[in-house]
Amino acid sequence: MKQLIVIAMILTVAACGQPERLKSSGGPVSRGMPMAFGPISKACMASDRKRRSRELCGCIQAVADDTLSFAQQRRAVGFYRNPHEAQEIRQSDRARDEDFWTAYRAYGDQAERQCS
């Protein structure tokens, strides 16, 4: 059950614009939301999600810039190509992976609050 929740969280952040994010009257990102360009926004825009947008991808990149180091961002980009990689990191006992996962979860929570 824990695995399903974690995968759902990863896919929510990594999905770049699932339909439920578009139900608000202002679209996925309202005015005044942060906007940035970087490795996560690039991977987001390159994803095959139909509902991705520059605004949403830019917002999650801005949150990543505030919460993740550049190296952590590069590592998170791999989740777009291989979501199972996130599960492997989450379950790892290595301190480096645990530190990354803690930072990534904080990023995901913040991106969900600011960009939805």
C-alpha atoms as a PDB file:
ATOM      1  CA  MET A   1       0.000   0.000   0.000  1.00  0.00           C
ATOM      2  CA  LYS A   2       2.846   2.382   0.885  1.00  0.00           C
ATOM      3  CA  GLN A   3       4.388   1.726  -2.501  1.00  0.00           C
ATOM      4  CA  LEU A   4       1.204   2.699  -4.298  1.00  0.00           C
ATOM      5  CA  ILE A   5       0.977   5.961  -2.378  1.00  0.00           C
ATOM      6  CA  VAL A   6       4.590   6.818  -3.119  1.00  0.00           C
ATOM      7  CA  ILE A   7       4.235   5.964  -6.793  1.00  0.00           C
ATOM      8  CA  ALA A   8       1.071   8.067  -6.979  1.00  0.00           C
ATOM      9  CA  MET A   9       2.932  11.007  -5.434  1.00  0.00           C
ATOM     10  CA  ILE A  10       5.798  10.622  -7.887  1.00  0.00           C
ATOM     11  CA  LEU A  11       3.500  10.391 -10.859  1.00  0.00           C
ATOM     12  CA  THR A  12       1.478  13.381  -9.682  1.00  0.00           C
ATOM     13  CA  VAL A  13       4.566  15.557  -9.645  1.00  0.00           C
ATOM     14  CA  ALA A  14       6.258  13.975 -12.628  1.00  0.00           C
ATOM     15  CA  ALA A  15       3.150  13.815 -14.782  1.00  0.00           C
ATOM     16  CA  CYS A  16       3.237  17.502 -15.717  1.00  0.00           C
ATOM     17  CA  GLY A  17      -0.395  18.270 -15.969  1.00  0.00           C
ATOM     18  CA  GLN A  18      -2.789  15.477 -15.321  1.00  0.00           C
ATOM     19  CA  PRO A  19      -6.402  16.505 -15.963  1.00  0.00           C
ATOM     20  CA  GLU A  20      -7.319  17.025 -12.295  1.00  0.00           C
ATOM     21  CA  ARG A  21      -4.786  19.852 -12.170  1.00  0.00           C
ATOM     22  CA  LEU A  22      -6.688  21.627 -14.928  1.00  0.00           C
ATOM     23  CA  LYS A  23     -10.076  21.767 -13.206  1.00  0.00           C
ATOM     24  CA  SER A  24      -9.451  25.083 -11.496  1.00  0.00           C
ATOM     25  CA  SER A  25     -10.771  28.140 -13.294  1.00  0.00           C
ATOM     26  CA  GLY A  26      -7.305  29.582 -13.809  1.00  0.00           C
ATOM     27  CA  GLY A  27      -5.734  26.501 -15.387  1.00  0.00           C
ATOM     28  CA  PRO A  28      -2.915  24.545 -13.792  1.00  0.00           C
ATOM     29  CA  VAL A  29      -1.046  27.596 -12.562  1.00  0.00           C
ATOM     30  CA  SER A  30      -2.571  30.886 -11.551  1.00  0.00           C
ATOM     31  CA  ARG A  31      -0.958  34.282 -12.017  1.00  0.00           C
ATOM     32  CA  GLY A  32       1.881  35.057  -9.693  1.00  0.00           C
ATOM     33  CA  MET A  33       3.083  31.473  -9.536  1.00  0.00           C
ATOM     34  CA  PRO A  34       6.824  30.944  -9.781  1.00  0.00           C
ATOM     35  CA  MET A  35       8.303  30.153 -13.183  1.00  0.00           C
ATOM     36  CA  ALA A  36      11.718  28.803 -14.144  1.00  0.00           C
ATOM     37  CA  PHE A  37      13.505  26.757 -16.790  1.00  0.00           C
ATOM     38  CA  GLY A  38      15.875  23.905 -16.035  1.00  0.00           C
ATOM     39  CA  PRO A  39      16.309  20.135 -16.188  1.00  0.00           C
ATOM     40  CA  ILE A  40      12.966  19.282 -14.592  1.00  0.00           C
ATOM     41  CA  SER A  41      10.925  21.688 -16.722  1.00  0.00           C
ATOM     42  CA  LYS A  42      12.714  20.382 -19.822  1.00  0.00           C
ATOM     43  CA  ALA A  43      11.931  16.758 -18.926  1.00  0.00           C
ATOM     44  CA  CYS A  44       8.363  17.745 -18.096  1.00  0.00           C
ATOM     45  CA  MET A  45       7.852  19.421 -21.470  1.00  0.00           C
ATOM     46  CA  ALA A  46       9.446  16.464 -23.266  1.00  0.00           C
ATOM     47  CA  SER A  47       7.123  14.013 -21.534  1.00  0.00           C
ATOM     48  CA  ASP A  48       4.244  12.452 -23.418  1.00  0.00           C
ATOM     49  CA  ARG A  49       1.573  13.914 -21.143  1.00  0.00           C
ATOM     50  CA  LYS A  50      -1.165  15.576 -23.167  1.00  0.00           C
ATOM     51  CA  ARG A  51      -1.928  18.197 -20.532  1.00  0.00           C
ATOM     52  CA  ARG A  52       1.581  19.441 -19.834  1.00  0.00           C
ATOM     53  CA  SER A  53       2.099  23.160 -20.134  1.00  0.00           C
ATOM     54  CA  ARG A  54       4.932  25.626 -19.964  1.00  0.00           C
ATOM     55  CA  GLU A  55       3.296  27.200 -16.937  1.00  0.00           C
ATOM     56  CA  LEU A  56       3.010  23.966 -14.972  1.00  0.00           C
ATOM     57  CA  CYS A  57       6.443  22.664 -15.962  1.00  0.00           C
ATOM     58  CA  GLY A  58       7.959  26.077 -15.190  1.00  0.00           C
ATOM     59  CA  CYS A  59       6.272  26.153 -11.812  1.00  0.00           C
ATOM     60  CA  ILE A  60       7.539  22.745 -10.751  1.00  0.00           C
ATOM     61  CA  GLN A  61      11.021  23.763 -11.930  1.00  0.00           C
ATOM     62  CA  ALA A  62      10.847  26.916  -9.785  1.00  0.00           C
ATOM     63  CA  VAL A  63       9.920  24.795  -6.777  1.00  0.00           C
ATOM     64  CA  ALA A  64      12.772  22.411  -7.597  1.00  0.00           C
ATOM     65  CA  ASP A  65      15.164  25.372  -7.721  1.00  0.00           C
ATOM     66  CA  ASP A  66      14.042  26.306  -4.202  1.00  0.00           C
ATOM     67  CA  THR A  67      14.108  22.815  -2.704  1.00  0.00           C
ATOM     68  CA  LEU A  68      16.586  20.609  -4.599  1.00  0.00           C
ATOM     69  CA  SER A  69      20.242  20.985  -5.480  1.00  0.00           C
ATOM     70  CA  PHE A  70      21.155  20.849  -9.161  1.00  0.00           C
ATOM     71  CA  ALA A  71      22.498  17.314  -8.686  1.00  0.00           C
ATOM     72  CA  GLN A  72      19.226  16.260  -7.043  1.00  0.00           C
ATOM     73  CA  GLN A  73      17.287  17.788  -9.925  1.00  0.00           C
ATOM     74  CA  ARG A  74      19.340  15.826 -12.449  1.00  0.00           C
ATOM     75  CA  ARG A  75      18.660  12.666 -10.482  1.00  0.00           C
ATOM     76  CA  ALA A  76      14.918  13.391 -10.350  1.00  0.00           C
ATOM     77  CA  VAL A  77      14.815  13.861 -14.136  1.00  0.00           C
ATOM     78  CA  GLY A  78      15.443  10.123 -14.402  1.00  0.00           C
ATOM     79  CA  PHE A  79      11.991   9.507 -12.905  1.00  0.00           C
ATOM     80  CA  TYR A  80      10.384  10.870 -16.062  1.00  0.00           C
ATOM     81  CA  ARG A  81      12.067   8.153 -18.114  1.00  0.00           C
ATOM     82  CA  ASN A  82      11.886   5.402 -15.520  1.00  0.00           C
ATOM     83  CA  PRO A  83       9.355   5.857 -12.667  1.00  0.00           C
ATOM     84  CA  HIS A  84      10.485   2.526 -11.179  1.00  0.00           C
ATOM     85  CA  GLU A  85      13.833   4.152 -10.398  1.00  0.00           C
ATOM     86  CA  ALA A  86      12.051   6.287  -7.816  1.00  0.00           C
ATOM     87  CA  GLN A  87      10.740   3.172  -6.110  1.00  0.00           C
ATOM     88  CA  GLU A  88      14.235   1.689  -5.974  1.00  0.00           C
ATOM     89  CA  ILE A  89      15.631   4.857  -4.403  1.00  0.00           C
ATOM     90  CA  ARG A  90      12.773   5.069  -1.912  1.00  0.00           C
ATOM     91  CA  GLN A  91      13.427   1.516  -0.741  1.00  0.00           C
ATOM     92  CA  SER A  92      17.202   1.835  -0.640  1.00  0.00           C
ATOM     93  CA  ASP A  93      19.050   1.631   2.674  1.00  0.00           C
ATOM     94  CA  ARG A  94      21.911   3.828   1.497  1.00  0.00           C
ATOM     95  CA  ALA A  95      22.183   7.131   3.362  1.00  0.00           C
ATOM     96  CA  ARG A  96      22.649   9.047   0.105  1.00  0.00           C
ATOM     97  CA  ASP A  97      19.388   7.642  -1.270  1.00  0.00           C
ATOM     98  CA  GLU A  98      17.538   8.313   1.980  1.00  0.00           C
ATOM     99  CA  ASP A  99      18.730  11.935   2.005  1.00  0.00           C
ATOM    100  CA  PHE A 100      17.696  12.364  -1.611  1.00  0.00           C
ATOM    101  CA  TRP A 101      14.283  10.810  -0.987  1.00  0.00           C
ATOM    102  CA  THR A 102      13.618  13.127   1.954  1.00  0.00           C
ATOM    103  CA  ALA A 103      14.452  16.148  -0.195  1.00  0.00           C
ATOM    104  CA  TYR A 104      12.437  14.803  -3.135  1.00  0.00           C
ATOM    105  CA  ARG A 105       9.329  14.264  -0.999  1.00  0.00           C
ATOM    106  CA  ALA A 106       9.597  17.806   0.348  1.00  0.00           C
ATOM    107  CA  TYR A 107       9.905  19.029  -3.243  1.00  0.00           C
ATOM    108  CA  GLY A 108       6.862  17.014  -4.328  1.00  0.00           C
ATOM    109  CA  ASP A 109       4.745  18.316  -1.471  1.00  0.00           C
ATOM    110  CA  GLN A 110       5.756  21.918  -2.165  1.00  0.00           C
ATOM    111  CA  ALA A 111       5.188  21.589  -5.931  1.00  0.00           C
ATOM    112  CA  GLU A 112       1.741  20.158  -5.332  1.00  0.00           C
ATOM    113  CA  ARG A 113       0.815  23.094  -3.072  1.00  0.00           C
ATOM    114  CA  GLN A 114       2.226  25.812  -5.328  1.00  0.00           C
ATOM    115  CA  CYS A 115       1.526  24.467  -8.797  1.00  0.00           C
ATOM    116  CA  SER A 116      -1.905  22.888  -8.610  1.00  0.00           C
END
